[in-house]
N, C-alpha and C. Protein backbone atom coordinates (compact mmCIF):
# COMPACT_ATOMS: atom_id res chain seq x y z
N MET A 1 0.85 -1.17 0.00
CA MET A 1 0.00 0.00 0.00
C MET A 1 0.90 1.24 0.00
N LYS A 2 0.54 2.20 -0.80
CA LYS A 2 1.34 3.42 -0.91
C LYS A 2 1.25 4.25 0.37
N LYS A 3 2.30 5.03 0.60
CA LYS A 3 2.41 5.83 1.82
C LYS A 3 1.23 6.79 1.97
N ARG A 4 0.82 7.47 0.92
CA ARG A 4 -0.28 8.43 1.04
C ARG A 4 -1.60 7.75 1.40
N ILE A 5 -1.78 6.51 0.94
CA ILE A 5 -2.99 5.75 1.28
C ILE A 5 -2.94 5.33 2.75
N ARG A 6 -1.74 4.86 3.20
CA ARG A 6 -1.59 4.50 4.62
C ARG A 6 -1.88 5.70 5.50
N LYS A 7 -1.41 6.87 5.10
CA LYS A 7 -1.63 8.09 5.88
C LYS A 7 -3.11 8.44 5.91
N LYS A 8 -3.75 8.38 4.77
CA LYS A 8 -5.18 8.70 4.67
C LYS A 8 -6.03 7.76 5.52
N LYS A 9 -5.62 6.47 5.59
CA LYS A 9 -6.39 5.46 6.32
C LYS A 9 -5.87 5.22 7.73
N CYS A 10 -4.87 6.00 8.15
CA CYS A 10 -4.27 5.87 9.50
C CYS A 10 -3.81 4.44 9.76
N LEU A 11 -3.00 3.93 8.85
CA LEU A 11 -2.45 2.59 8.97
C LEU A 11 -0.93 2.64 9.05
N GLY A 12 -0.33 1.53 9.50
CA GLY A 12 1.12 1.44 9.57
C GLY A 12 1.73 2.50 10.46
N GLU A 13 2.71 3.23 9.92
CA GLU A 13 3.38 4.26 10.71
C GLU A 13 2.47 5.45 11.04
N PHE A 14 1.28 5.49 10.45
CA PHE A 14 0.33 6.58 10.70
C PHE A 14 -0.80 6.16 11.64
N LYS A 15 -0.68 4.97 12.20
CA LYS A 15 -1.67 4.47 13.14
C LYS A 15 -1.79 5.42 14.34
N GLU A 16 -3.01 5.67 14.80
CA GLU A 16 -3.24 6.52 15.97
C GLU A 16 -3.76 5.68 17.11
N LEU A 17 -3.30 5.98 18.31
CA LEU A 17 -3.65 5.22 19.50
C LEU A 17 -4.62 5.99 20.39
N ALA A 18 -5.40 5.24 21.17
CA ALA A 18 -6.34 5.83 22.11
C ALA A 18 -6.43 4.92 23.33
N PHE A 19 -6.97 5.45 24.42
CA PHE A 19 -7.18 4.65 25.62
C PHE A 19 -8.41 5.18 26.36
N ARG A 20 -8.98 4.33 27.17
CA ARG A 20 -10.13 4.71 28.00
C ARG A 20 -9.61 5.22 29.33
N LEU A 21 -10.19 6.31 29.80
CA LEU A 21 -9.78 6.93 31.06
C LEU A 21 -11.03 7.10 31.92
N THR A 22 -11.01 6.52 33.11
CA THR A 22 -12.15 6.63 34.02
C THR A 22 -11.67 7.16 35.37
N ALA A 23 -12.54 7.88 36.02
CA ALA A 23 -12.23 8.41 37.35
C ALA A 23 -13.51 8.54 38.16
N LYS A 24 -13.38 8.33 39.46
CA LYS A 24 -14.48 8.55 40.39
C LYS A 24 -14.00 9.57 41.41
N TYR A 25 -14.89 10.46 41.79
CA TYR A 25 -14.53 11.52 42.71
C TYR A 25 -15.75 11.91 43.53
N SER A 26 -15.50 12.69 44.60
CA SER A 26 -16.61 13.14 45.41
C SER A 26 -17.50 14.06 44.58
N ARG A 27 -18.76 14.02 44.88
CA ARG A 27 -19.77 14.76 44.11
C ARG A 27 -19.42 16.24 44.04
N LEU A 28 -19.52 16.79 42.83
CA LEU A 28 -19.17 18.19 42.59
C LEU A 28 -20.42 19.05 42.43
N THR A 29 -20.30 20.30 42.82
CA THR A 29 -21.36 21.26 42.53
C THR A 29 -21.22 21.68 41.07
N ALA A 30 -22.22 22.34 40.53
CA ALA A 30 -22.17 22.76 39.12
C ALA A 30 -20.98 23.67 38.85
N GLU A 31 -20.72 24.60 39.77
CA GLU A 31 -19.61 25.54 39.58
C GLU A 31 -18.26 24.83 39.61
N SER A 32 -18.08 23.97 40.60
CA SER A 32 -16.80 23.27 40.70
C SER A 32 -16.64 22.25 39.58
N ALA A 33 -17.74 21.66 39.10
CA ALA A 33 -17.67 20.71 37.99
C ALA A 33 -17.16 21.41 36.73
N ASN A 34 -17.64 22.60 36.47
CA ASN A 34 -17.17 23.35 35.30
C ASN A 34 -15.68 23.65 35.40
N GLU A 35 -15.24 24.02 36.60
CA GLU A 35 -13.83 24.33 36.80
C GLU A 35 -12.96 23.08 36.62
N VAL A 36 -13.39 21.96 37.20
CA VAL A 36 -12.62 20.72 37.10
C VAL A 36 -12.56 20.26 35.64
N LEU A 37 -13.69 20.30 34.95
CA LEU A 37 -13.70 19.89 33.54
C LEU A 37 -12.78 20.78 32.71
N SER A 38 -12.82 22.07 32.95
CA SER A 38 -11.93 22.99 32.22
C SER A 38 -10.47 22.66 32.47
N ARG A 39 -10.12 22.37 33.71
CA ARG A 39 -8.74 22.04 34.04
C ARG A 39 -8.30 20.74 33.36
N ILE A 40 -9.20 19.75 33.34
CA ILE A 40 -8.88 18.47 32.71
C ILE A 40 -8.66 18.66 31.21
N LEU A 41 -9.57 19.39 30.56
CA LEU A 41 -9.45 19.61 29.12
C LEU A 41 -8.22 20.45 28.77
N GLU A 42 -7.90 21.43 29.61
CA GLU A 42 -6.68 22.24 29.39
C GLU A 42 -5.44 21.36 29.48
N LYS A 43 -5.41 20.47 30.48
CA LYS A 43 -4.27 19.58 30.64
C LYS A 43 -4.16 18.64 29.44
N GLY A 44 -5.29 18.12 28.98
CA GLY A 44 -5.29 17.28 27.80
C GLY A 44 -4.75 18.01 26.58
N LYS A 45 -5.17 19.24 26.41
CA LYS A 45 -4.68 20.05 25.29
C LYS A 45 -3.18 20.29 25.41
N GLU A 46 -2.73 20.59 26.62
CA GLU A 46 -1.30 20.81 26.87
C GLU A 46 -0.47 19.58 26.51
N LEU A 47 -1.03 18.39 26.78
CA LEU A 47 -0.33 17.13 26.51
C LEU A 47 -0.56 16.62 25.09
N GLY A 48 -1.39 17.32 24.32
CA GLY A 48 -1.68 16.89 22.96
C GLY A 48 -2.63 15.70 22.90
N LEU A 49 -3.53 15.60 23.88
CA LEU A 49 -4.51 14.52 23.95
C LEU A 49 -5.89 15.06 23.59
N LEU A 50 -6.64 14.29 22.82
CA LEU A 50 -8.02 14.66 22.49
C LEU A 50 -8.94 13.85 23.40
N CYS A 51 -9.72 14.54 24.23
CA CYS A 51 -10.57 13.87 25.21
C CYS A 51 -12.04 14.05 24.85
N GLY A 52 -12.78 12.98 24.94
CA GLY A 52 -14.22 13.05 24.73
C GLY A 52 -14.89 11.96 25.54
N GLY A 53 -16.13 12.19 25.89
CA GLY A 53 -16.86 11.17 26.65
C GLY A 53 -17.84 11.79 27.61
N THR A 54 -17.99 11.15 28.76
CA THR A 54 -18.98 11.53 29.76
C THR A 54 -18.30 12.15 30.97
N PHE A 55 -18.82 13.30 31.40
CA PHE A 55 -18.35 13.95 32.63
C PHE A 55 -19.58 14.22 33.48
N GLU A 56 -19.69 13.52 34.58
CA GLU A 56 -20.83 13.66 35.49
C GLU A 56 -20.36 14.28 36.81
N ALA A 57 -21.30 14.51 37.71
CA ALA A 57 -20.99 15.14 38.99
C ALA A 57 -20.11 14.27 39.88
N ASP A 58 -20.08 12.95 39.65
CA ASP A 58 -19.29 12.08 40.51
C ASP A 58 -18.34 11.13 39.78
N HIS A 59 -18.31 11.18 38.44
CA HIS A 59 -17.40 10.32 37.68
C HIS A 59 -17.20 10.85 36.27
N LEU A 60 -16.14 10.36 35.65
CA LEU A 60 -15.93 10.65 34.23
C LEU A 60 -15.52 9.37 33.53
N ASP A 61 -15.87 9.30 32.26
CA ASP A 61 -15.52 8.16 31.42
C ASP A 61 -15.16 8.73 30.06
N PHE A 62 -13.86 8.83 29.80
CA PHE A 62 -13.37 9.45 28.57
C PHE A 62 -12.73 8.43 27.65
N TYR A 63 -12.78 8.73 26.38
CA TYR A 63 -12.02 8.04 25.34
C TYR A 63 -10.99 9.07 24.91
N VAL A 64 -9.71 8.77 25.12
CA VAL A 64 -8.65 9.75 24.89
C VAL A 64 -7.77 9.29 23.72
N VAL A 65 -7.69 10.13 22.71
CA VAL A 65 -6.84 9.85 21.56
C VAL A 65 -5.50 10.52 21.79
N SER A 66 -4.43 9.70 21.78
CA SER A 66 -3.10 10.24 22.05
C SER A 66 -2.31 10.50 20.78
N GLY A 67 -2.85 10.13 19.65
CA GLY A 67 -2.18 10.43 18.39
C GLY A 67 -1.37 9.27 17.84
N ARG A 68 -0.48 9.60 16.94
CA ARG A 68 0.30 8.59 16.23
C ARG A 68 1.19 7.78 17.16
N ILE A 69 1.50 6.58 16.71
CA ILE A 69 2.40 5.72 17.48
C ILE A 69 3.76 6.39 17.62
N ASN A 70 4.48 6.01 18.65
CA ASN A 70 5.83 6.54 18.92
C ASN A 70 5.85 8.05 19.16
N THR A 71 4.83 8.57 19.83
CA THR A 71 4.80 10.00 20.16
C THR A 71 4.63 10.19 21.67
N ARG A 72 5.46 9.50 22.45
CA ARG A 72 5.42 9.60 23.92
C ARG A 72 4.04 9.22 24.47
N ASN A 73 3.38 8.26 23.87
CA ASN A 73 2.02 7.90 24.28
C ASN A 73 1.96 7.48 25.74
N GLU A 74 2.85 6.57 26.15
CA GLU A 74 2.85 6.07 27.54
C GLU A 74 3.09 7.20 28.53
N GLU A 75 4.06 8.05 28.25
CA GLU A 75 4.39 9.15 29.15
C GLU A 75 3.21 10.11 29.30
N ARG A 76 2.60 10.45 28.19
CA ARG A 76 1.49 11.40 28.24
C ARG A 76 0.28 10.80 28.94
N ARG A 77 0.02 9.49 28.75
CA ARG A 77 -1.08 8.84 29.48
C ARG A 77 -0.81 8.90 30.98
N GLN A 78 0.43 8.60 31.38
CA GLN A 78 0.78 8.63 32.81
C GLN A 78 0.69 10.05 33.37
N GLU A 79 1.13 11.04 32.61
CA GLU A 79 1.02 12.44 33.05
C GLU A 79 -0.43 12.84 33.27
N MET A 80 -1.32 12.40 32.39
CA MET A 80 -2.75 12.72 32.54
C MET A 80 -3.32 12.03 33.78
N MET A 81 -2.93 10.78 34.00
CA MET A 81 -3.40 10.07 35.19
C MET A 81 -2.89 10.75 36.46
N ASP A 82 -1.62 11.12 36.48
CA ASP A 82 -1.05 11.79 37.65
C ASP A 82 -1.75 13.12 37.90
N PHE A 83 -2.06 13.84 36.83
CA PHE A 83 -2.77 15.11 36.98
C PHE A 83 -4.15 14.89 37.60
N LEU A 84 -4.89 13.90 37.10
CA LEU A 84 -6.22 13.63 37.65
C LEU A 84 -6.13 13.24 39.13
N LYS A 85 -5.14 12.40 39.46
CA LYS A 85 -4.97 11.97 40.86
C LYS A 85 -4.65 13.15 41.77
N SER A 86 -4.03 14.21 41.21
CA SER A 86 -3.66 15.36 42.03
C SER A 86 -4.84 16.31 42.30
N LEU A 87 -5.93 16.14 41.56
CA LEU A 87 -7.09 17.02 41.76
C LEU A 87 -7.77 16.67 43.09
N PRO A 88 -8.25 17.68 43.81
CA PRO A 88 -8.91 17.41 45.08
C PRO A 88 -10.19 16.60 44.90
N GLY A 89 -10.40 15.63 45.79
CA GLY A 89 -11.62 14.83 45.79
C GLY A 89 -11.57 13.59 44.92
N MET A 90 -10.47 13.36 44.20
CA MET A 90 -10.37 12.17 43.35
C MET A 90 -10.26 10.92 44.22
N GLU A 91 -11.08 9.94 43.94
CA GLU A 91 -11.07 8.69 44.69
C GLU A 91 -10.35 7.59 43.93
N SER A 92 -10.56 7.51 42.62
CA SER A 92 -9.87 6.50 41.81
C SER A 92 -9.72 7.00 40.38
N VAL A 93 -8.61 6.63 39.78
CA VAL A 93 -8.32 6.98 38.39
C VAL A 93 -7.75 5.74 37.72
N GLU A 94 -8.31 5.36 36.58
CA GLU A 94 -7.83 4.19 35.85
C GLU A 94 -7.74 4.51 34.37
N ALA A 95 -6.72 3.98 33.73
CA ALA A 95 -6.55 4.13 32.29
C ALA A 95 -6.42 2.74 31.68
N GLY A 96 -7.08 2.56 30.55
CA GLY A 96 -7.03 1.28 29.86
C GLY A 96 -5.81 1.16 28.98
N GLU A 97 -5.72 0.04 28.29
CA GLU A 97 -4.62 -0.22 27.37
C GLU A 97 -4.82 0.59 26.10
N PHE A 98 -3.74 0.79 25.37
CA PHE A 98 -3.84 1.49 24.09
C PHE A 98 -4.51 0.59 23.06
N VAL A 99 -5.37 1.20 22.25
CA VAL A 99 -6.04 0.52 21.15
C VAL A 99 -5.91 1.39 19.91
N ASP A 100 -6.19 0.81 18.77
CA ASP A 100 -6.18 1.55 17.51
C ASP A 100 -7.37 2.49 17.52
N ALA A 101 -7.13 3.79 17.48
CA ALA A 101 -8.20 4.79 17.61
C ALA A 101 -9.18 4.74 16.44
N TRP A 102 -8.74 4.29 15.29
CA TRP A 102 -9.59 4.30 14.10
C TRP A 102 -10.33 3.00 13.86
N TYR A 103 -9.75 1.88 14.29
CA TYR A 103 -10.30 0.59 13.90
C TYR A 103 -10.69 -0.31 15.06
N THR A 104 -10.70 0.17 16.28
CA THR A 104 -11.15 -0.62 17.42
C THR A 104 -12.50 -0.08 17.87
N PRO A 105 -13.54 -0.91 17.86
CA PRO A 105 -14.86 -0.41 18.29
C PRO A 105 -14.85 -0.04 19.76
N ILE A 106 -15.56 1.02 20.10
CA ILE A 106 -15.71 1.44 21.49
C ILE A 106 -16.84 0.64 22.09
N GLU A 107 -16.55 -0.07 23.16
CA GLU A 107 -17.56 -0.90 23.81
C GLU A 107 -18.11 -0.17 25.02
N ASP A 108 -19.44 -0.18 25.14
CA ASP A 108 -20.10 0.44 26.28
C ASP A 108 -20.42 -0.65 27.29
N GLU A 109 -19.68 -0.65 28.40
CA GLU A 109 -19.86 -1.70 29.41
C GLU A 109 -21.19 -1.59 30.15
N SER A 110 -21.84 -0.41 30.08
CA SER A 110 -23.10 -0.24 30.79
C SER A 110 -24.28 -0.83 30.03
N CYS A 111 -24.10 -1.16 28.75
CA CYS A 111 -25.19 -1.71 27.95
C CYS A 111 -25.41 -3.17 28.31
N CYS A 112 -26.66 -3.54 28.36
CA CYS A 112 -26.94 -4.96 28.57
C CYS A 112 -26.89 -5.65 27.22
N ASP A 113 -26.74 -6.97 27.23
CA ASP A 113 -26.59 -7.73 26.01
C ASP A 113 -27.91 -8.13 25.36
N CYS A 114 -29.02 -7.80 25.99
CA CYS A 114 -30.29 -8.25 25.44
C CYS A 114 -30.75 -7.40 24.26
N GLY A 115 -30.17 -6.20 24.10
CA GLY A 115 -30.54 -5.36 22.97
C GLY A 115 -31.80 -4.55 23.16
N CYS A 116 -32.30 -4.51 24.39
CA CYS A 116 -33.56 -3.80 24.62
C CYS A 116 -33.38 -2.28 24.70
N GLY A 117 -32.16 -1.82 24.94
CA GLY A 117 -31.90 -0.39 25.02
C GLY A 117 -32.14 0.20 26.39
N ASP A 118 -32.66 -0.58 27.33
CA ASP A 118 -32.90 -0.11 28.69
C ASP A 118 -31.79 -0.66 29.58
N HIS A 119 -31.04 0.24 30.22
CA HIS A 119 -29.89 -0.20 31.00
C HIS A 119 -30.17 -0.28 32.49
N ASP A 120 -31.37 0.11 32.90
CA ASP A 120 -31.70 0.14 34.33
C ASP A 120 -32.68 -0.97 34.69
N HIS A 121 -32.37 -2.19 34.29
CA HIS A 121 -33.27 -3.28 34.62
C HIS A 121 -32.47 -4.56 34.87
N ASP A 122 -33.13 -5.51 35.48
CA ASP A 122 -32.53 -6.83 35.73
C ASP A 122 -33.22 -7.85 34.85
N HIS A 123 -32.47 -8.84 34.42
CA HIS A 123 -33.04 -9.94 33.63
C HIS A 123 -33.10 -11.17 34.48
């Protein structure tokens, strides 16, 4: 495959990595939640990480794209985790393994397998 095609399709040396980032913390007020989210996103931008996902009053669940392979991915993931752990009220911070950002499906662990679309029930 030609280099320009690999680049266009994010394959080979142009592969981009991502990881799941979750954290639990003491419940935040609306004002403090905005401040915490701003600080997290600023830190992500500073580290060259693209963050997206869910930010709630007591937890976050992000999918973080760290970019191309061999771009200090491990170091930047650890820096982001250390930053989150340093925020007041953080109870737990976990980061998943690196996956291919373009070709690995994002799995929602909160979904039930029955396909009903309702996540607040027992079978």
